[in-house]
Amino acid sequence: MSRTFEVTIDSAPAELMSKAKKVAQEHGATILGDNYSGALSASGVEGGYEVIGSTVFITITKKPFFVPWGTVEKKVMDFFHTRCV
């Protein structure tokens, strides 16, 4: 089962993804792709992203069974709202 989360951004996709890739690498995560779509993985969580206008759609396709979806959502939102601004 997968879930998609939406994050509204205020910056240009190129600026956001540049910062996101750097922050991800610093924390042992991976973001591969361009400014508009790609794949991401961290700590057993895998998925992809797509940027449409001022919204980033993050679809998580795999997570450890013992990690609740609420925890995954919180981490995704924290990453994009706190660490990538």
PDB file of N, CA and C in Angstrom:
ATOM      1  N   MET A   1       0.843  -1.165   0.000  1.00  0.00           N
ATOM      2  CA  MET A   1       0.000   0.000   0.000  1.00  0.00           C
ATOM      3  C   MET A   1       0.895   1.238   0.000  1.00  0.00           C
ATOM      4  N   SER A   2       0.543   2.215  -0.819  1.00  0.00           N
ATOM      5  CA  SER A   2       1.308   3.455  -0.859  1.00  0.00           C
ATOM      6  C   SER A   2       0.437   4.614  -0.382  1.00  0.00           C
ATOM      7  N   ARG A   3       1.103   5.695  -0.032  1.00  0.00           N
ATOM      8  CA  ARG A   3       0.410   6.921   0.391  1.00  0.00           C
ATOM      9  C   ARG A   3       1.110   8.113  -0.229  1.00  0.00           C
ATOM     10  N   THR A   4       0.318   9.114  -0.556  1.00  0.00           N
ATOM     11  CA  THR A   4       0.862  10.336  -1.137  1.00  0.00           C
ATOM     12  C   THR A   4       0.607  11.502  -0.202  1.00  0.00           C
ATOM     13  N   PHE A   5       1.636  12.290   0.002  1.00  0.00           N
ATOM     14  CA  PHE A   5       1.564  13.482   0.842  1.00  0.00           C
ATOM     15  C   PHE A   5       1.835  14.692  -0.038  1.00  0.00           C
ATOM     16  N   GLU A   6       1.187  15.815   0.270  1.00  0.00           N
ATOM     17  CA  GLU A   6       1.366  17.041  -0.494  1.00  0.00           C
ATOM     18  C   GLU A   6       2.044  18.102   0.359  1.00  0.00           C
ATOM     19  N   VAL A   7       3.028  18.761  -0.239  1.00  0.00           N
ATOM     20  CA  VAL A   7       3.737  19.843   0.432  1.00  0.00           C
ATOM     21  C   VAL A   7       3.684  21.060  -0.479  1.00  0.00           C
ATOM     22  N   THR A   8       3.174  22.171   0.031  1.00  0.00           N
ATOM     23  CA  THR A   8       3.152  23.419  -0.722  1.00  0.00           C
ATOM     24  C   THR A   8       4.488  24.125  -0.513  1.00  0.00           C
ATOM     25  N   ILE A   9       5.076  24.584  -1.605  1.00  0.00           N
ATOM     26  CA  ILE A   9       6.387  25.237  -1.522  1.00  0.00           C
ATOM     27  C   ILE A   9       6.276  26.703  -1.943  1.00  0.00           C
ATOM     28  N   ASP A  10       7.172  27.520  -1.396  1.00  0.00           N
ATOM     29  CA  ASP A  10       7.220  28.941  -1.717  1.00  0.00           C
ATOM     30  C   ASP A  10       8.379  29.273  -2.652  1.00  0.00           C
ATOM     31  N   SER A  11       9.316  28.340  -2.785  1.00  0.00           N
ATOM     32  CA  SER A  11      10.501  28.608  -3.592  1.00  0.00           C
ATOM     33  C   SER A  11      10.385  27.919  -4.953  1.00  0.00           C
ATOM     34  N   ALA A  12      11.303  28.253  -5.832  1.00  0.00           N
ATOM     35  CA  ALA A  12      11.359  27.611  -7.144  1.00  0.00           C
ATOM     36  C   ALA A  12      11.758  26.146  -6.977  1.00  0.00           C
ATOM     37  N   PRO A  13      11.229  25.255  -7.834  1.00  0.00           N
ATOM     38  CA  PRO A  13      11.576  23.835  -7.724  1.00  0.00           C
ATOM     39  C   PRO A  13      13.079  23.576  -7.740  1.00  0.00           C
ATOM     40  N   ALA A  14      13.820  24.302  -8.562  1.00  0.00           N
ATOM     41  CA  ALA A  14      15.270  24.091  -8.630  1.00  0.00           C
ATOM     42  C   ALA A  14      15.936  24.398  -7.295  1.00  0.00           C
ATOM     43  N   GLU A  15      15.515  25.475  -6.667  1.00  0.00           N
ATOM     44  CA  GLU A  15      16.074  25.863  -5.367  1.00  0.00           C
ATOM     45  C   GLU A  15      15.723  24.822  -4.299  1.00  0.00           C
ATOM     46  N   LEU A  16      14.468  24.410  -4.268  1.00  0.00           N
ATOM     47  CA  LEU A  16      14.023  23.417  -3.292  1.00  0.00           C
ATOM     48  C   LEU A  16      14.764  22.103  -3.452  1.00  0.00           C
ATOM     49  N   MET A  17      14.823  21.587  -4.677  1.00  0.00           N
ATOM     50  CA  MET A  17      15.433  20.274  -4.879  1.00  0.00           C
ATOM     51  C   MET A  17      16.936  20.301  -4.650  1.00  0.00           C
ATOM     52  N   SER A  18      17.582  21.396  -4.958  1.00  0.00           N
ATOM     53  CA  SER A  18      19.013  21.517  -4.673  1.00  0.00           C
ATOM     54  C   SER A  18      19.258  21.395  -3.172  1.00  0.00           C
ATOM     55  N   LYS A  19      18.480  22.128  -2.406  1.00  0.00           N
ATOM     56  CA  LYS A  19      18.622  22.084  -0.950  1.00  0.00           C
ATOM     57  C   LYS A  19      18.209  20.717  -0.411  1.00  0.00           C
ATOM     58  N   ALA A  20      17.116  20.157  -0.931  1.00  0.00           N
ATOM     59  CA  ALA A  20      16.629  18.854  -0.460  1.00  0.00           C
ATOM     60  C   ALA A  20      17.671  17.758  -0.678  1.00  0.00           C
ATOM     61  N   LYS A  21      18.309  17.758  -1.831  1.00  0.00           N
ATOM     62  CA  LYS A  21      19.335  16.741  -2.113  1.00  0.00           C
ATOM     63  C   LYS A  21      20.520  16.876  -1.156  1.00  0.00           C
ATOM     64  N   LYS A  22      20.913  18.114  -0.891  1.00  0.00           N
ATOM     65  CA  LYS A  22      22.036  18.348   0.022  1.00  0.00           C
ATOM     66  C   LYS A  22      21.689  17.890   1.437  1.00  0.00           C
ATOM     67  N   VAL A  23      20.521  18.297   1.924  1.00  0.00           N
ATOM     68  CA  VAL A  23      20.098  17.918   3.279  1.00  0.00           C
ATOM     69  C   VAL A  23      19.924  16.403   3.383  1.00  0.00           C
ATOM     70  N   ALA A  24      19.346  15.788   2.360  1.00  0.00           N
ATOM     71  CA  ALA A  24      19.166  14.335   2.364  1.00  0.00           C
ATOM     72  C   ALA A  24      20.511  13.628   2.493  1.00  0.00           C
ATOM     73  N   GLN A  25      21.469  14.050   1.698  1.00  0.00           N
ATOM     74  CA  GLN A  25      22.795  13.435   1.736  1.00  0.00           C
ATOM     75  C   GLN A  25      23.436  13.588   3.118  1.00  0.00           C
ATOM     76  N   GLU A  26      23.270  14.739   3.740  1.00  0.00           N
ATOM     77  CA  GLU A  26      23.831  14.975   5.073  1.00  0.00           C
ATOM     78  C   GLU A  26      23.220  14.054   6.127  1.00  0.00           C
ATOM     79  N   HIS A  27      22.009  13.558   5.867  1.00  0.00           N
ATOM     80  CA  HIS A  27      21.310  12.713   6.830  1.00  0.00           C
ATOM     81  C   HIS A  27      21.211  11.252   6.388  1.00  0.00           C
ATOM     82  N   GLY A  28      22.034  10.848   5.425  1.00  0.00           N
ATOM     83  CA  GLY A  28      22.076   9.458   4.999  1.00  0.00           C
ATOM     84  C   GLY A  28      20.917   9.026   4.133  1.00  0.00           C
ATOM     85  N   ALA A  29      20.210   9.961   3.553  1.00  0.00           N
ATOM     86  CA  ALA A  29      19.091   9.658   2.659  1.00  0.00           C
ATOM     87  C   ALA A  29      19.529   9.939   1.223  1.00  0.00           C
ATOM     88  N   THR A  30      18.694   9.523   0.277  1.00  0.00           N
ATOM     89  CA  THR A  30      19.012   9.711  -1.125  1.00  0.00           C
ATOM     90  C   THR A  30      17.818  10.294  -1.864  1.00  0.00           C
ATOM     91  N   ILE A  31      18.072  11.304  -2.669  1.00  0.00           N
ATOM     92  CA  ILE A  31      17.083  11.841  -3.590  1.00  0.00           C
ATOM     93  C   ILE A  31      17.738  11.843  -4.966  1.00  0.00           C
ATOM     94  N   LEU A  32      17.146  11.103  -5.896  1.00  0.00           N
ATOM     95  CA  LEU A  32      17.654  11.025  -7.260  1.00  0.00           C
ATOM     96  C   LEU A  32      16.583  11.550  -8.201  1.00  0.00           C
ATOM     97  N   GLY A  33      16.978  12.374  -9.142  1.00  0.00           N
ATOM     98  CA  GLY A  33      16.022  12.900 -10.105  1.00  0.00           C
ATOM     99  C   GLY A  33      16.315  14.345 -10.406  1.00  0.00           C
ATOM    100  N   ASP A  34      15.362  14.970 -11.102  1.00  0.00           N
ATOM    101  CA  ASP A  34      15.548  16.365 -11.470  1.00  0.00           C
ATOM    102  C   ASP A  34      14.673  17.262 -10.605  1.00  0.00           C
ATOM    103  N   ASN A  35      14.452  18.481 -11.060  1.00  0.00           N
ATOM    104  CA  ASN A  35      13.692  19.441 -10.267  1.00  0.00           C
ATOM    105  C   ASN A  35      12.196  19.152 -10.238  1.00  0.00           C
ATOM    106  N   TYR A  36      11.742  18.204 -11.058  1.00  0.00           N
ATOM    107  CA  TYR A  36      10.306  17.967 -11.168  1.00  0.00           C
ATOM    108  C   TYR A  36       9.848  16.554 -10.836  1.00  0.00           C
ATOM    109  N   SER A  37      10.746  15.585 -10.843  1.00  0.00           N
ATOM    110  CA  SER A  37      10.352  14.223 -10.465  1.00  0.00           C
ATOM    111  C   SER A  37      11.586  13.385 -10.181  1.00  0.00           C
ATOM    112  N   GLY A  38      11.366  12.342  -9.389  1.00  0.00           N
ATOM    113  CA  GLY A  38      12.473  11.462  -9.064  1.00  0.00           C
ATOM    114  C   GLY A  38      12.116  10.485  -7.970  1.00  0.00           C
ATOM    115  N   ALA A  39      13.142   9.868  -7.404  1.00  0.00           N
ATOM    116  CA  ALA A  39      12.983   8.849  -6.370  1.00  0.00           C
ATOM    117  C   ALA A  39      13.674   9.303  -5.098  1.00  0.00           C
ATOM    118  N   LEU A  40      13.198   8.756  -3.975  1.00  0.00           N
ATOM    119  CA  LEU A  40      13.819   9.062  -2.690  1.00  0.00           C
ATOM    120  C   LEU A  40      13.817   7.823  -1.810  1.00  0.00           C
ATOM    121  N   SER A  41      14.787   7.770  -0.914  1.00  0.00           N
ATOM    122  CA  SER A  41      14.861   6.659   0.027  1.00  0.00           C
ATOM    123  C   SER A  41      15.622   7.090   1.278  1.00  0.00           C
ATOM    124  N   ALA A  42      15.189   6.518   2.402  1.00  0.00           N
ATOM    125  CA  ALA A  42      15.842   6.802   3.687  1.00  0.00           C
ATOM    126  C   ALA A  42      15.323   5.829   4.718  1.00  0.00           C
ATOM    127  N   SER A  43      16.197   5.197   5.443  1.00  0.00           N
ATOM    128  CA  SER A  43      15.845   4.354   6.588  1.00  0.00           C
ATOM    129  C   SER A  43      14.747   3.335   6.286  1.00  0.00           C
ATOM    130  N   GLY A  44      14.836   2.682   5.143  1.00  0.00           N
ATOM    131  CA  GLY A  44      13.852   1.663   4.793  1.00  0.00           C
ATOM    132  C   GLY A  44      12.582   2.200   4.165  1.00  0.00           C
ATOM    133  N   VAL A  45      12.506   3.513   3.998  1.00  0.00           N
ATOM    134  CA  VAL A  45      11.358   4.147   3.348  1.00  0.00           C
ATOM    135  C   VAL A  45      11.771   4.485   1.920  1.00  0.00           C
ATOM    136  N   GLU A  46      10.905   4.131   0.952  1.00  0.00           N
ATOM    137  CA  GLU A  46      11.203   4.410  -0.448  1.00  0.00           C
ATOM    138  C   GLU A  46       9.984   5.020  -1.114  1.00  0.00           C
ATOM    139  N   GLY A  47      10.237   5.808  -2.132  1.00  0.00           N
ATOM    140  CA  GLY A  47       9.131   6.410  -2.855  1.00  0.00           C
ATOM    141  C   GLY A  47       9.626   7.322  -3.948  1.00  0.00           C
ATOM    142  N   GLY A  48       8.757   8.231  -4.345  1.00  0.00           N
ATOM    143  CA  GLY A  48       9.092   9.162  -5.397  1.00  0.00           C
ATOM    144  C   GLY A  48       8.458  10.507  -5.123  1.00  0.00           C
ATOM    145  N   TYR A  49       8.820  11.471  -5.958  1.00  0.00           N
ATOM    146  CA  TYR A  49       8.257  12.804  -5.816  1.00  0.00           C
ATOM    147  C   TYR A  49       7.945  13.365  -7.194  1.00  0.00           C
ATOM    148  N   GLU A  50       6.991  14.282  -7.218  1.00  0.00           N
ATOM    149  CA  GLU A  50       6.645  15.002  -8.436  1.00  0.00           C
ATOM    150  C   GLU A  50       6.277  16.426  -8.034  1.00  0.00           C
ATOM    151  N   VAL A  51       6.875  17.388  -8.712  1.00  0.00           N
ATOM    152  CA  VAL A  51       6.594  18.797  -8.442  1.00  0.00           C
ATOM    153  C   VAL A  51       5.674  19.301  -9.543  1.00  0.00           C
ATOM    154  N   ILE A  52       4.503  19.803  -9.129  1.00  0.00           N
ATOM    155  CA  ILE A  52       3.550  20.389 -10.066  1.00  0.00           C
ATOM    156  C   ILE A  52       3.179  21.758  -9.511  1.00  0.00           C
ATOM    157  N   GLY A  53       3.599  22.796 -10.219  1.00  0.00           N
ATOM    158  CA  GLY A  53       3.340  24.152  -9.751  1.00  0.00           C
ATOM    159  C   GLY A  53       4.033  24.397  -8.426  1.00  0.00           C
ATOM    160  N   SER A  54       3.267  24.782  -7.420  1.00  0.00           N
ATOM    161  CA  SER A  54       3.839  25.052  -6.099  1.00  0.00           C
ATOM    162  C   SER A  54       3.572  23.913  -5.115  1.00  0.00           C
ATOM    163  N   THR A  55       3.330  22.717  -5.642  1.00  0.00           N
ATOM    164  CA  THR A  55       3.068  21.559  -4.784  1.00  0.00           C
ATOM    165  C   THR A  55       4.021  20.423  -5.105  1.00  0.00           C
ATOM    166  N   VAL A  56       4.584  19.823  -4.063  1.00  0.00           N
ATOM    167  CA  VAL A  56       5.388  18.616  -4.206  1.00  0.00           C
ATOM    168  C   VAL A  56       4.525  17.457  -3.723  1.00  0.00           C
ATOM    169  N   PHE A  57       4.344  16.468  -4.586  1.00  0.00           N
ATOM    170  CA  PHE A  57       3.607  15.260  -4.238  1.00  0.00           C
ATOM    171  C   PHE A  57       4.638  14.182  -3.935  1.00  0.00           C
ATOM    172  N   ILE A  58       4.659  13.696  -2.709  1.00  0.00           N
ATOM    173  CA  ILE A  58       5.588  12.660  -2.286  1.00  0.00           C
ATOM    174  C   ILE A  58       4.791  11.383  -2.099  1.00  0.00           C
ATOM    175  N   THR A  59       5.102  10.366  -2.892  1.00  0.00           N
ATOM    176  CA  THR A  59       4.409   9.087  -2.780  1.00  0.00           C
ATOM    177  C   THR A  59       5.358   8.075  -2.164  1.00  0.00           C
ATOM    178  N   ILE A  60       4.988   7.574  -1.010  1.00  0.00           N
ATOM    179  CA  ILE A  60       5.785   6.552  -0.327  1.00  0.00           C
ATOM    180  C   ILE A  60       5.244   5.194  -0.754  1.00  0.00           C
ATOM    181  N   THR A  61       6.110   4.361  -1.311  1.00  0.00           N
ATOM    182  CA  THR A  61       5.701   3.058  -1.818  1.00  0.00           C
ATOM    183  C   THR A  61       6.147   1.896  -0.937  1.00  0.00           C
ATOM    184  N   LYS A  62       7.095   2.169  -0.053  1.00  0.00           N
ATOM    185  CA  LYS A  62       7.612   1.110   0.811  1.00  0.00           C
ATOM    186  C   LYS A  62       8.034   1.719   2.136  1.00  0.00           C
ATOM    187  N   LYS A  63       7.707   1.032   3.234  1.00  0.00           N
ATOM    188  CA  LYS A  63       8.130   1.461   4.563  1.00  0.00           C
ATOM    189  C   LYS A  63       8.247   0.227   5.432  1.00  0.00           C
ATOM    190  N   PRO A  64       9.036   0.295   6.485  1.00  0.00           N
ATOM    191  CA  PRO A  64       9.083  -0.828   7.424  1.00  0.00           C
ATOM    192  C   PRO A  64       7.688  -1.039   8.038  1.00  0.00           C
ATOM    193  N   PHE A  65       7.273  -2.284   8.163  1.00  0.00           N
ATOM    194  CA  PHE A  65       5.914  -2.586   8.632  1.00  0.00           C
ATOM    195  C   PHE A  65       5.646  -2.050  10.027  1.00  0.00           C
ATOM    196  N   PHE A  66       6.667  -1.911  10.838  1.00  0.00           N
ATOM    197  CA  PHE A  66       6.475  -1.476  12.226  1.00  0.00           C
ATOM    198  C   PHE A  66       6.441   0.050  12.387  1.00  0.00           C
ATOM    199  N   VAL A  67       6.676   0.780  11.309  1.00  0.00           N
ATOM    200  CA  VAL A  67       6.634   2.243  11.363  1.00  0.00           C
ATOM    201  C   VAL A  67       5.244   2.706  10.948  1.00  0.00           C
ATOM    202  N   PRO A  68       4.522   3.400  11.821  1.00  0.00           N
ATOM    203  CA  PRO A  68       3.172   3.865  11.484  1.00  0.00           C
ATOM    204  C   PRO A  68       3.205   4.929  10.377  1.00  0.00           C
ATOM    205  N   TRP A  69       2.133   4.966   9.586  1.00  0.00           N
ATOM    206  CA  TRP A  69       2.036   5.971   8.528  1.00  0.00           C
ATOM    207  C   TRP A  69       2.115   7.378   9.090  1.00  0.00           C
ATOM    208  N   GLY A  70       1.589   7.600  10.270  1.00  0.00           N
ATOM    209  CA  GLY A  70       1.644   8.928  10.881  1.00  0.00           C
ATOM    210  C   GLY A  70       3.072   9.392  11.107  1.00  0.00           C
ATOM    211  N   THR A  71       3.942   8.473  11.471  1.00  0.00           N
ATOM    212  CA  THR A  71       5.356   8.793  11.673  1.00  0.00           C
ATOM    213  C   THR A  71       6.019   9.131  10.342  1.00  0.00           C
ATOM    214  N   VAL A  72       5.706   8.371   9.317  1.00  0.00           N
ATOM    215  CA  VAL A  72       6.264   8.636   7.986  1.00  0.00           C
ATOM    216  C   VAL A  72       5.827  10.019   7.509  1.00  0.00           C
ATOM    217  N   GLU A  73       4.540  10.323   7.644  1.00  0.00           N
ATOM    218  CA  GLU A  73       4.032  11.625   7.218  1.00  0.00           C
ATOM    219  C   GLU A  73       4.714  12.759   7.980  1.00  0.00           C
ATOM    220  N   LYS A  74       4.866  12.608   9.290  1.00  0.00           N
ATOM    221  CA  LYS A  74       5.503  13.639  10.103  1.00  0.00           C
ATOM    222  C   LYS A  74       6.937  13.885   9.634  1.00  0.00           C
ATOM    223  N   LYS A  75       7.673  12.815   9.362  1.00  0.00           N
ATOM    224  CA  LYS A  75       9.067  12.950   8.922  1.00  0.00           C
ATOM    225  C   LYS A  75       9.155  13.628   7.557  1.00  0.00           C
ATOM    226  N   VAL A  76       8.250  13.257   6.637  1.00  0.00           N
ATOM    227  CA  VAL A  76       8.242  13.865   5.309  1.00  0.00           C
ATOM    228  C   VAL A  76       7.956  15.352   5.419  1.00  0.00           C
ATOM    229  N   MET A  77       6.932  15.699   6.168  1.00  0.00           N
ATOM    230  CA  MET A  77       6.563  17.108   6.318  1.00  0.00           C
ATOM    231  C   MET A  77       7.668  17.900   7.011  1.00  0.00           C
ATOM    232  N   ASP A  78       8.264  17.317   8.033  1.00  0.00           N
ATOM    233  CA  ASP A  78       9.365  17.978   8.740  1.00  0.00           C
ATOM    234  C   ASP A  78      10.524  18.229   7.787  1.00  0.00           C
ATOM    235  N   PHE A  79      10.838  17.241   6.967  1.00  0.00           N
ATOM    236  CA  PHE A  79      11.948  17.380   6.039  1.00  0.00           C
ATOM    237  C   PHE A  79      11.727  18.553   5.091  1.00  0.00           C
ATOM    238  N   PHE A  80      10.567  18.616   4.464  1.00  0.00           N
ATOM    239  CA  PHE A  80      10.331  19.657   3.467  1.00  0.00           C
ATOM    240  C   PHE A  80      10.000  21.014   4.069  1.00  0.00           C
ATOM    241  N   HIS A  81       9.344  21.044   5.213  1.00  0.00           N
ATOM    242  CA  HIS A  81       8.959  22.337   5.797  1.00  0.00           C
ATOM    243  C   HIS A  81      10.025  22.940   6.702  1.00  0.00           C
ATOM    244  N   THR A  82      10.823  22.116   7.345  1.00  0.00           N
ATOM    245  CA  THR A  82      11.791  22.619   8.312  1.00  0.00           C
ATOM    246  C   THR A  82      13.214  22.620   7.770  1.00  0.00           C
ATOM    247  N   ARG A  83      13.613  21.553   7.167  1.00  0.00           N
ATOM    248  CA  ARG A  83      15.016  21.421   6.763  1.00  0.00           C
ATOM    249  C   ARG A  83      15.323  21.984   5.385  1.00  0.00           C
ATOM    250  N   CYS A  84      14.305  22.140   4.554  1.00  0.00           N
ATOM    251  CA  CYS A  84      14.546  22.575   3.171  1.00  0.00           C
ATOM    252  C   CYS A  84      14.089  23.992   2.884  1.00  0.00           C
ATOM    253  N   VAL A  85      13.834  24.751   3.927  1.00  0.00           N
ATOM    254  CA  VAL A  85      13.411  26.147   3.713  1.00  0.00           C
ATOM    255  C   VAL A  85      14.599  27.072   3.756  1.00  0.00           C
TER     256      VAL A  85
END
